[in-house]
Amino acid sequence: MRRVNSDAYLTQRKCLDHPFYHLEVHLKRGAQLVVRDSSGSSDPYVIFKVGKKQLYKSKTVSKNLNPLWDERFTLPIEDPSATITAHVLDYDRGLRRDDPMGFVTIDLNLLDLNKLTELKLNLKPENPEKVKEDYMGYLVLQVKLIPKSLEEKEEIMACQTNKVNTL
């Protein structure tokens, strides 16, 4: 039988008490990213997802292996047991497909509620069998998981619906 980390268990139990969450994210920077362009550089951007659903896309930083994004955003979280993935890609102009540069995972169960946590996460390859590099670089970000009430969730959803209807 597997032993459960008591802190993670308590966080998970607290999470079940709330119907909705916001994950405040400060995408600070990347460092030592892999080269994906023939020019010896890359044009990285980051996509944040829950499962296959894209929640946020950062700006592209041109010709930089140590990009500074300094972007702050909030992700709506329905399931606190979900894992968030952040995929770093190299933007390619024209018809070419953007090249994967690696990804990281953020396990929400490991976060303390309402506490700002700084993370330095090493990138893992999207397709390990196709990658030559052993080291892909890393991302630095801060995250804070904030529980919301059912009333707050309904207000947020109503605002999002109004935005969609006015487009």
N, C-alpha and C. Protein backbone atom coordinates (compact mmCIF):
# COMPACT_ATOMS: atom_id res chain seq x y z
N MET A 1 0.83 -1.18 0.00
CA MET A 1 0.00 0.00 0.00
C MET A 1 0.88 1.25 0.00
N ARG A 2 0.54 2.20 -0.84
CA ARG A 2 1.31 3.42 -0.97
C ARG A 2 0.97 4.38 0.16
N ARG A 3 1.99 4.99 0.72
CA ARG A 3 1.80 5.95 1.79
C ARG A 3 1.57 7.34 1.22
N VAL A 4 0.58 8.04 1.70
CA VAL A 4 0.24 9.36 1.19
C VAL A 4 0.94 10.42 2.05
N ASN A 5 1.57 11.38 1.40
CA ASN A 5 2.19 12.49 2.11
C ASN A 5 1.08 13.25 2.84
N SER A 6 1.23 13.40 4.16
CA SER A 6 0.15 13.99 4.96
C SER A 6 -0.14 15.44 4.57
N ASP A 7 0.90 16.23 4.23
CA ASP A 7 0.67 17.61 3.81
C ASP A 7 -0.13 17.67 2.51
N ALA A 8 0.25 16.82 1.56
CA ALA A 8 -0.48 16.78 0.28
C ALA A 8 -1.91 16.31 0.51
N TYR A 9 -2.10 15.36 1.41
CA TYR A 9 -3.43 14.86 1.71
C TYR A 9 -4.30 15.97 2.31
N LEU A 10 -3.72 16.73 3.26
CA LEU A 10 -4.48 17.82 3.87
C LEU A 10 -4.84 18.89 2.85
N THR A 11 -3.91 19.22 1.97
CA THR A 11 -4.19 20.20 0.92
C THR A 11 -5.32 19.69 0.03
N GLN A 12 -5.26 18.40 -0.33
CA GLN A 12 -6.30 17.82 -1.18
C GLN A 12 -7.66 17.87 -0.48
N ARG A 13 -7.69 17.57 0.81
CA ARG A 13 -8.95 17.62 1.55
C ARG A 13 -9.50 19.05 1.59
N LYS A 14 -8.61 20.04 1.80
CA LYS A 14 -9.05 21.44 1.82
C LYS A 14 -9.61 21.83 0.46
N CYS A 15 -8.99 21.33 -0.59
CA CYS A 15 -9.43 21.66 -1.95
C CYS A 15 -10.83 21.15 -2.22
N LEU A 16 -11.19 20.04 -1.63
CA LEU A 16 -12.52 19.48 -1.87
C LEU A 16 -13.62 20.33 -1.25
N ASP A 17 -13.24 21.23 -0.33
CA ASP A 17 -14.22 22.08 0.34
C ASP A 17 -14.66 23.26 -0.52
N HIS A 18 -14.03 23.48 -1.67
CA HIS A 18 -14.33 24.65 -2.50
C HIS A 18 -14.73 24.20 -3.91
N PRO A 19 -15.71 24.89 -4.52
CA PRO A 19 -16.19 24.48 -5.84
C PRO A 19 -15.38 25.01 -7.02
N PHE A 20 -14.47 25.95 -6.76
CA PHE A 20 -13.82 26.62 -7.88
C PHE A 20 -12.54 27.29 -7.37
N TYR A 21 -11.57 27.48 -8.27
CA TYR A 21 -10.29 28.07 -7.88
C TYR A 21 -9.78 28.99 -8.98
N HIS A 22 -8.91 29.88 -8.57
CA HIS A 22 -8.10 30.65 -9.50
C HIS A 22 -6.66 30.27 -9.23
N LEU A 23 -5.92 30.06 -10.31
CA LEU A 23 -4.48 29.88 -10.18
C LEU A 23 -3.85 31.14 -10.73
N GLU A 24 -3.31 31.96 -9.82
CA GLU A 24 -2.59 33.15 -10.25
C GLU A 24 -1.19 32.72 -10.65
N VAL A 25 -0.79 33.12 -11.85
CA VAL A 25 0.51 32.71 -12.39
C VAL A 25 1.31 33.95 -12.77
N HIS A 26 2.57 33.93 -12.40
CA HIS A 26 3.52 34.94 -12.87
C HIS A 26 4.59 34.17 -13.63
N LEU A 27 4.48 34.16 -14.95
CA LEU A 27 5.48 33.53 -15.81
C LEU A 27 6.64 34.50 -15.89
N LYS A 28 7.72 34.19 -15.18
CA LYS A 28 8.84 35.11 -15.10
C LYS A 28 9.78 34.99 -16.29
N ARG A 29 10.41 33.82 -16.41
CA ARG A 29 11.44 33.70 -17.45
C ARG A 29 11.73 32.23 -17.75
N GLY A 30 12.48 32.05 -18.82
CA GLY A 30 13.06 30.76 -19.16
C GLY A 30 14.56 30.93 -19.19
N ALA A 31 15.28 29.84 -19.07
CA ALA A 31 16.74 29.94 -19.10
C ALA A 31 17.34 28.70 -19.74
N GLN A 32 18.41 28.92 -20.47
CA GLN A 32 19.18 27.84 -21.09
C GLN A 32 18.31 26.95 -21.99
N LEU A 33 17.36 27.59 -22.70
CA LEU A 33 16.47 26.83 -23.58
C LEU A 33 17.26 26.28 -24.77
N VAL A 34 16.71 25.25 -25.38
CA VAL A 34 17.39 24.59 -26.48
C VAL A 34 17.23 25.38 -27.79
N VAL A 35 18.22 25.23 -28.65
CA VAL A 35 18.20 25.86 -29.97
C VAL A 35 17.27 25.07 -30.87
N ARG A 36 16.37 25.78 -31.57
CA ARG A 36 15.46 25.11 -32.50
C ARG A 36 15.48 25.75 -33.89
N ASP A 37 16.18 26.87 -34.05
CA ASP A 37 16.27 27.53 -35.35
C ASP A 37 17.66 27.34 -35.94
N SER A 38 17.75 27.33 -37.25
CA SER A 38 19.05 27.18 -37.92
C SER A 38 19.98 28.35 -37.64
N SER A 39 19.42 29.46 -37.16
CA SER A 39 20.23 30.64 -36.84
C SER A 39 20.99 30.48 -35.52
N GLY A 40 20.74 29.38 -34.80
CA GLY A 40 21.41 29.15 -33.52
C GLY A 40 20.65 29.72 -32.34
N SER A 41 19.40 30.08 -32.55
CA SER A 41 18.59 30.65 -31.48
C SER A 41 17.20 30.00 -31.52
N SER A 42 16.26 30.61 -30.83
CA SER A 42 14.86 30.18 -30.86
C SER A 42 13.97 31.38 -30.59
N ASP A 43 12.69 31.23 -30.90
CA ASP A 43 11.68 32.27 -30.66
C ASP A 43 10.62 31.67 -29.74
N PRO A 44 10.91 31.55 -28.43
CA PRO A 44 10.03 30.79 -27.54
C PRO A 44 8.76 31.52 -27.10
N TYR A 45 7.72 30.71 -26.90
CA TYR A 45 6.50 31.15 -26.24
C TYR A 45 5.99 29.97 -25.43
N VAL A 46 5.05 30.21 -24.52
CA VAL A 46 4.57 29.17 -23.61
C VAL A 46 3.06 29.06 -23.71
N ILE A 47 2.56 27.82 -23.77
CA ILE A 47 1.13 27.54 -23.74
C ILE A 47 0.83 26.78 -22.46
N PHE A 48 -0.15 27.26 -21.69
CA PHE A 48 -0.59 26.59 -20.47
C PHE A 48 -1.87 25.83 -20.77
N LYS A 49 -1.92 24.55 -20.34
CA LYS A 49 -3.07 23.69 -20.62
C LYS A 49 -3.50 22.91 -19.39
N VAL A 50 -4.79 22.57 -19.37
CA VAL A 50 -5.32 21.54 -18.48
C VAL A 50 -5.84 20.47 -19.42
N GLY A 51 -5.24 19.29 -19.37
CA GLY A 51 -5.57 18.26 -20.35
C GLY A 51 -5.21 18.77 -21.73
N LYS A 52 -6.16 18.74 -22.66
CA LYS A 52 -5.91 19.25 -24.01
C LYS A 52 -6.43 20.68 -24.20
N LYS A 53 -7.05 21.23 -23.16
CA LYS A 53 -7.64 22.56 -23.26
C LYS A 53 -6.60 23.64 -22.97
N GLN A 54 -6.39 24.51 -23.97
CA GLN A 54 -5.45 25.62 -23.81
C GLN A 54 -6.10 26.73 -22.99
N LEU A 55 -5.39 27.17 -21.94
CA LEU A 55 -5.91 28.21 -21.07
C LEU A 55 -5.22 29.56 -21.26
N TYR A 56 -3.96 29.54 -21.73
CA TYR A 56 -3.22 30.79 -21.88
C TYR A 56 -2.06 30.58 -22.83
N LYS A 57 -1.76 31.63 -23.61
CA LYS A 57 -0.60 31.63 -24.49
C LYS A 57 0.19 32.91 -24.24
N SER A 58 1.49 32.76 -23.98
CA SER A 58 2.34 33.92 -23.72
C SER A 58 2.73 34.61 -25.03
N LYS A 59 3.36 35.75 -24.88
CA LYS A 59 3.92 36.42 -26.05
C LYS A 59 5.15 35.64 -26.51
N THR A 60 5.55 35.83 -27.75
CA THR A 60 6.76 35.21 -28.31
C THR A 60 7.92 36.16 -28.09
N VAL A 61 9.03 35.61 -27.59
CA VAL A 61 10.25 36.41 -27.41
C VAL A 61 11.20 36.00 -28.53
N SER A 62 11.50 36.91 -29.43
CA SER A 62 12.30 36.60 -30.62
C SER A 62 13.77 36.40 -30.30
N LYS A 63 14.34 35.41 -30.96
CA LYS A 63 15.79 35.15 -30.94
C LYS A 63 16.39 35.21 -29.53
N ASN A 64 15.89 34.33 -28.64
CA ASN A 64 16.34 34.39 -27.26
C ASN A 64 16.24 33.01 -26.60
N LEU A 65 17.34 32.54 -26.04
CA LEU A 65 17.36 31.26 -25.32
C LEU A 65 17.19 31.46 -23.81
N ASN A 66 17.14 32.72 -23.38
CA ASN A 66 16.93 33.08 -21.98
C ASN A 66 15.84 34.15 -21.91
N PRO A 67 14.61 33.80 -22.35
CA PRO A 67 13.56 34.81 -22.49
C PRO A 67 13.04 35.33 -21.15
N LEU A 68 12.72 36.60 -21.14
CA LEU A 68 12.07 37.23 -20.00
C LEU A 68 10.64 37.54 -20.43
N TRP A 69 9.67 36.85 -19.85
CA TRP A 69 8.27 37.10 -20.19
C TRP A 69 7.64 38.10 -19.23
N ASP A 70 7.80 37.89 -17.94
CA ASP A 70 7.22 38.76 -16.91
C ASP A 70 5.74 39.00 -17.18
N GLU A 71 4.99 37.90 -17.38
CA GLU A 71 3.55 37.98 -17.66
C GLU A 71 2.77 37.42 -16.48
N ARG A 72 1.72 38.13 -16.10
CA ARG A 72 0.85 37.71 -15.00
C ARG A 72 -0.55 37.44 -15.56
N PHE A 73 -1.13 36.32 -15.13
CA PHE A 73 -2.45 35.96 -15.60
C PHE A 73 -3.09 35.02 -14.59
N THR A 74 -4.38 34.81 -14.74
CA THR A 74 -5.13 33.94 -13.84
C THR A 74 -5.81 32.85 -14.65
N LEU A 75 -5.67 31.62 -14.17
CA LEU A 75 -6.30 30.48 -14.84
C LEU A 75 -7.47 29.99 -13.99
N PRO A 76 -8.65 29.78 -14.61
CA PRO A 76 -9.77 29.21 -13.87
C PRO A 76 -9.55 27.71 -13.68
N ILE A 77 -9.74 27.23 -12.48
CA ILE A 77 -9.50 25.82 -12.18
C ILE A 77 -10.78 25.21 -11.63
N GLU A 78 -11.35 24.26 -12.35
CA GLU A 78 -12.55 23.55 -11.90
C GLU A 78 -12.18 22.36 -11.02
N ASP A 79 -11.09 21.70 -11.36
CA ASP A 79 -10.68 20.47 -10.67
C ASP A 79 -9.32 20.67 -10.02
N PRO A 80 -9.27 20.80 -8.69
CA PRO A 80 -7.99 21.05 -8.03
C PRO A 80 -7.04 19.87 -8.05
N SER A 81 -7.51 18.71 -8.49
CA SER A 81 -6.61 17.56 -8.60
C SER A 81 -5.96 17.51 -9.99
N ALA A 82 -6.32 18.46 -10.85
CA ALA A 82 -5.79 18.50 -12.22
C ALA A 82 -4.31 18.87 -12.21
N THR A 83 -3.64 18.47 -13.27
CA THR A 83 -2.25 18.87 -13.47
C THR A 83 -2.22 19.88 -14.61
N ILE A 84 -1.55 20.98 -14.37
CA ILE A 84 -1.38 22.02 -15.40
C ILE A 84 -0.08 21.71 -16.13
N THR A 85 -0.10 21.81 -17.46
CA THR A 85 1.14 21.67 -18.22
C THR A 85 1.46 22.99 -18.90
N ALA A 86 2.74 23.29 -18.95
CA ALA A 86 3.23 24.48 -19.66
C ALA A 86 4.17 23.99 -20.74
N HIS A 87 3.79 24.18 -21.99
CA HIS A 87 4.57 23.72 -23.14
C HIS A 87 5.31 24.91 -23.74
N VAL A 88 6.62 24.78 -23.88
CA VAL A 88 7.43 25.82 -24.52
C VAL A 88 7.62 25.42 -25.97
N LEU A 89 7.31 26.34 -26.88
CA LEU A 89 7.44 26.09 -28.31
C LEU A 89 8.26 27.18 -28.96
N ASP A 90 8.89 26.83 -30.07
CA ASP A 90 9.64 27.78 -30.88
C ASP A 90 8.76 28.20 -32.05
N TYR A 91 8.45 29.49 -32.12
CA TYR A 91 7.61 30.01 -33.19
C TYR A 91 8.36 29.95 -34.52
N ASP A 92 7.72 29.35 -35.52
CA ASP A 92 8.27 29.31 -36.87
C ASP A 92 7.34 30.07 -37.80
N ARG A 93 7.90 31.00 -38.55
CA ARG A 93 7.11 31.79 -39.49
C ARG A 93 6.72 30.94 -40.70
N GLY A 94 5.66 31.34 -41.35
CA GLY A 94 5.24 30.64 -42.55
C GLY A 94 4.39 29.42 -42.23
N LEU A 95 4.49 28.42 -43.09
CA LEU A 95 3.63 27.25 -42.97
C LEU A 95 4.21 26.15 -42.09
N ARG A 96 5.44 26.34 -41.63
CA ARG A 96 6.07 25.31 -40.80
C ARG A 96 5.40 25.24 -39.43
N ARG A 97 5.40 24.04 -38.89
CA ARG A 97 4.84 23.81 -37.56
C ARG A 97 5.83 24.29 -36.50
N ASP A 98 5.33 24.89 -35.42
CA ASP A 98 6.20 25.34 -34.33
C ASP A 98 6.87 24.14 -33.67
N ASP A 99 8.15 24.31 -33.32
CA ASP A 99 8.94 23.21 -32.76
C ASP A 99 8.80 23.14 -31.25
N PRO A 100 8.55 21.93 -30.70
CA PRO A 100 8.51 21.80 -29.24
C PRO A 100 9.90 21.97 -28.64
N MET A 101 9.94 22.68 -27.51
CA MET A 101 11.20 22.91 -26.80
C MET A 101 11.19 22.26 -25.42
N GLY A 102 10.07 21.65 -25.05
CA GLY A 102 9.95 20.98 -23.76
C GLY A 102 8.70 21.41 -23.03
N PHE A 103 8.43 20.73 -21.92
CA PHE A 103 7.25 21.06 -21.12
C PHE A 103 7.54 20.82 -19.64
N VAL A 104 6.71 21.43 -18.80
CA VAL A 104 6.76 21.21 -17.36
C VAL A 104 5.35 20.93 -16.87
N THR A 105 5.24 20.32 -15.71
CA THR A 105 3.93 20.08 -15.10
C THR A 105 3.87 20.78 -13.75
N ILE A 106 2.68 21.25 -13.42
CA ILE A 106 2.43 21.86 -12.12
C ILE A 106 1.33 21.05 -11.46
N ASP A 107 1.68 20.35 -10.39
CA ASP A 107 0.72 19.52 -9.65
C ASP A 107 0.06 20.40 -8.60
N LEU A 108 -1.21 20.72 -8.79
CA LEU A 108 -1.92 21.62 -7.88
C LEU A 108 -2.05 21.05 -6.48
N ASN A 109 -2.04 19.72 -6.35
CA ASN A 109 -2.14 19.09 -5.04
C ASN A 109 -0.95 19.41 -4.15
N LEU A 110 0.16 19.81 -4.75
CA LEU A 110 1.36 20.10 -3.96
C LEU A 110 1.43 21.56 -3.50
N LEU A 111 0.47 22.37 -3.93
CA LEU A 111 0.48 23.79 -3.57
C LEU A 111 -0.34 24.03 -2.30
N ASP A 112 0.15 24.91 -1.44
CA ASP A 112 -0.63 25.36 -0.29
C ASP A 112 -1.61 26.41 -0.78
N LEU A 113 -2.84 26.35 -0.28
CA LEU A 113 -3.85 27.33 -0.68
C LEU A 113 -3.44 28.73 -0.21
N ASN A 114 -3.67 29.71 -1.06
CA ASN A 114 -3.43 31.13 -0.76
C ASN A 114 -1.97 31.46 -0.45
N LYS A 115 -1.05 30.63 -0.87
CA LYS A 115 0.37 30.88 -0.60
C LYS A 115 1.12 31.01 -1.92
N LEU A 116 1.85 32.12 -2.09
CA LEU A 116 2.65 32.33 -3.28
C LEU A 116 3.85 31.38 -3.25
N THR A 117 4.01 30.60 -4.31
CA THR A 117 5.08 29.61 -4.39
C THR A 117 5.91 29.86 -5.63
N GLU A 118 7.22 30.00 -5.46
CA GLU A 118 8.12 30.16 -6.61
C GLU A 118 8.58 28.77 -7.06
N LEU A 119 8.53 28.54 -8.37
CA LEU A 119 8.91 27.25 -8.94
C LEU A 119 10.00 27.45 -9.99
N LYS A 120 11.00 26.61 -9.93
CA LYS A 120 12.02 26.52 -10.99
C LYS A 120 11.90 25.09 -11.51
N LEU A 121 11.37 24.94 -12.72
CA LEU A 121 11.03 23.63 -13.24
C LEU A 121 11.84 23.31 -14.49
N ASN A 122 12.54 22.19 -14.46
CA ASN A 122 13.31 21.74 -15.62
C ASN A 122 12.36 21.23 -16.69
N LEU A 123 12.62 21.65 -17.92
CA LEU A 123 11.81 21.21 -19.05
C LEU A 123 12.11 19.75 -19.37
N LYS A 124 11.05 19.03 -19.73
CA LYS A 124 11.16 17.64 -20.17
C LYS A 124 10.84 17.60 -21.66
N PRO A 125 11.42 16.66 -22.38
CA PRO A 125 11.13 16.58 -23.82
C PRO A 125 9.71 16.08 -24.09
N GLU A 126 9.09 16.65 -25.13
CA GLU A 126 7.76 16.20 -25.56
C GLU A 126 7.83 14.78 -26.12
N ASN A 127 8.87 14.52 -26.91
CA ASN A 127 9.09 13.20 -27.52
C ASN A 127 10.51 12.75 -27.19
N PRO A 128 10.72 12.09 -26.04
CA PRO A 128 12.08 11.75 -25.61
C PRO A 128 12.90 10.97 -26.64
N GLU A 129 12.24 10.12 -27.42
CA GLU A 129 12.97 9.30 -28.40
C GLU A 129 13.48 10.12 -29.58
N LYS A 130 12.93 11.31 -29.80
CA LYS A 130 13.33 12.14 -30.94
C LYS A 130 14.27 13.28 -30.56
N VAL A 131 14.61 13.40 -29.28
CA VAL A 131 15.40 14.54 -28.80
C VAL A 131 16.85 14.15 -28.59
N LYS A 132 17.75 15.01 -29.07
CA LYS A 132 19.18 14.77 -28.92
C LYS A 132 19.70 15.29 -27.58
N GLU A 133 19.08 16.36 -27.08
CA GLU A 133 19.58 17.03 -25.89
C GLU A 133 19.18 16.28 -24.61
N ASP A 134 20.11 16.24 -23.65
CA ASP A 134 19.80 15.69 -22.33
C ASP A 134 19.16 16.75 -21.44
N TYR A 135 19.53 18.00 -21.68
CA TYR A 135 19.05 19.11 -20.85
C TYR A 135 18.33 20.11 -21.74
N MET A 136 17.11 20.48 -21.36
CA MET A 136 16.26 21.33 -22.20
C MET A 136 16.12 22.76 -21.69
N GLY A 137 16.70 23.06 -20.52
CA GLY A 137 16.53 24.37 -19.90
C GLY A 137 15.45 24.32 -18.83
N TYR A 138 15.04 25.50 -18.35
CA TYR A 138 14.03 25.53 -17.29
C TYR A 138 13.18 26.79 -17.37
N LEU A 139 12.04 26.74 -16.67
CA LEU A 139 11.13 27.88 -16.52
C LEU A 139 11.12 28.30 -15.05
N VAL A 140 10.98 29.61 -14.84
CA VAL A 140 10.80 30.14 -13.49
C VAL A 140 9.45 30.84 -13.45
N LEU A 141 8.61 30.44 -12.49
CA LEU A 141 7.31 31.06 -12.35
C LEU A 141 6.89 31.08 -10.89
N GLN A 142 5.93 31.92 -10.58
CA GLN A 142 5.31 31.94 -9.27
C GLN A 142 3.84 31.60 -9.46
N VAL A 143 3.30 30.83 -8.51
CA VAL A 143 1.90 30.44 -8.59
C VAL A 143 1.25 30.58 -7.22
N LYS A 144 -0.06 30.81 -7.26
CA LYS A 144 -0.85 30.89 -6.03
C LYS A 144 -2.23 30.34 -6.33
N LEU A 145 -2.64 29.30 -5.59
CA LEU A 145 -3.95 28.67 -5.78
C LEU A 145 -4.93 29.28 -4.78
N ILE A 146 -5.98 29.91 -5.32
CA ILE A 146 -6.93 30.65 -4.48
C ILE A 146 -8.32 30.02 -4.60
N PRO A 147 -8.88 29.54 -3.48
CA PRO A 147 -10.23 28.98 -3.52
C PRO A 147 -11.27 30.09 -3.70
N LYS A 148 -12.32 29.77 -4.43
CA LYS A 148 -13.40 30.71 -4.67
C LYS A 148 -14.72 30.07 -4.27
N SER A 149 -15.68 30.89 -3.89
CA SER A 149 -17.00 30.39 -3.50
C SER A 149 -17.84 30.10 -4.75
N LEU A 150 -18.95 29.44 -4.54
CA LEU A 150 -19.87 29.15 -5.64
C LEU A 150 -20.41 30.45 -6.23
N GLU A 151 -20.69 31.44 -5.38
CA GLU A 151 -21.19 32.74 -5.86
C GLU A 151 -20.14 33.42 -6.74
N GLU A 152 -18.87 33.38 -6.31
CA GLU A 152 -17.80 33.98 -7.10
C GLU A 152 -17.64 33.26 -8.44
N LYS A 153 -17.78 31.95 -8.42
CA LYS A 153 -17.69 31.17 -9.67
C LYS A 153 -18.79 31.61 -10.63
N GLU A 154 -20.02 31.75 -10.13
CA GLU A 154 -21.14 32.14 -10.99
C GLU A 154 -20.93 33.55 -11.56
N GLU A 155 -20.39 34.47 -10.75
CA GLU A 155 -20.10 35.82 -11.23
C GLU A 155 -19.05 35.79 -12.34
N ILE A 156 -18.01 35.00 -12.14
CA ILE A 156 -16.93 34.90 -13.12
C ILE A 156 -17.46 34.32 -14.43
N MET A 157 -18.26 33.25 -14.32
CA MET A 157 -18.82 32.62 -15.51
C MET A 157 -19.76 33.57 -16.24
N ALA A 158 -20.53 34.36 -15.50
CA ALA A 158 -21.44 35.33 -16.12
C ALA A 158 -20.65 36.39 -16.87
N CYS A 159 -19.57 36.86 -16.27
CA CYS A 159 -18.72 37.87 -16.94
C CYS A 159 -18.12 37.30 -18.22
N GLN A 160 -17.66 36.04 -18.15
CA GLN A 160 -17.08 35.42 -19.35
C GLN A 160 -18.12 35.26 -20.43
N THR A 161 -19.34 34.89 -20.07
CA THR A 161 -20.42 34.74 -21.03
C THR A 161 -20.75 36.08 -21.67
N ASN A 162 -20.80 37.14 -20.87
CA ASN A 162 -21.07 38.48 -21.40
C ASN A 162 -19.99 38.92 -22.37
N LYS A 163 -18.74 38.61 -22.08
CA LYS A 163 -17.64 38.97 -22.99
C LYS A 163 -17.82 38.26 -24.32
N VAL A 164 -18.17 36.98 -24.28
CA VAL A 164 -18.35 36.20 -25.50
C VAL A 164 -19.52 36.75 -26.30
N ASN A 165 -20.62 37.10 -25.63
CA ASN A 165 -21.82 37.59 -26.31
C ASN A 165 -21.61 38.96 -26.95
N THR A 166 -20.67 39.76 -26.43
CA THR A 166 -20.45 41.09 -26.99
C THR A 166 -19.42 41.09 -28.11
N LEU A 167 -18.80 39.95 -28.38
CA LEU A 167 -17.80 39.90 -29.45
C LEU A 167 -18.44 39.85 -30.81
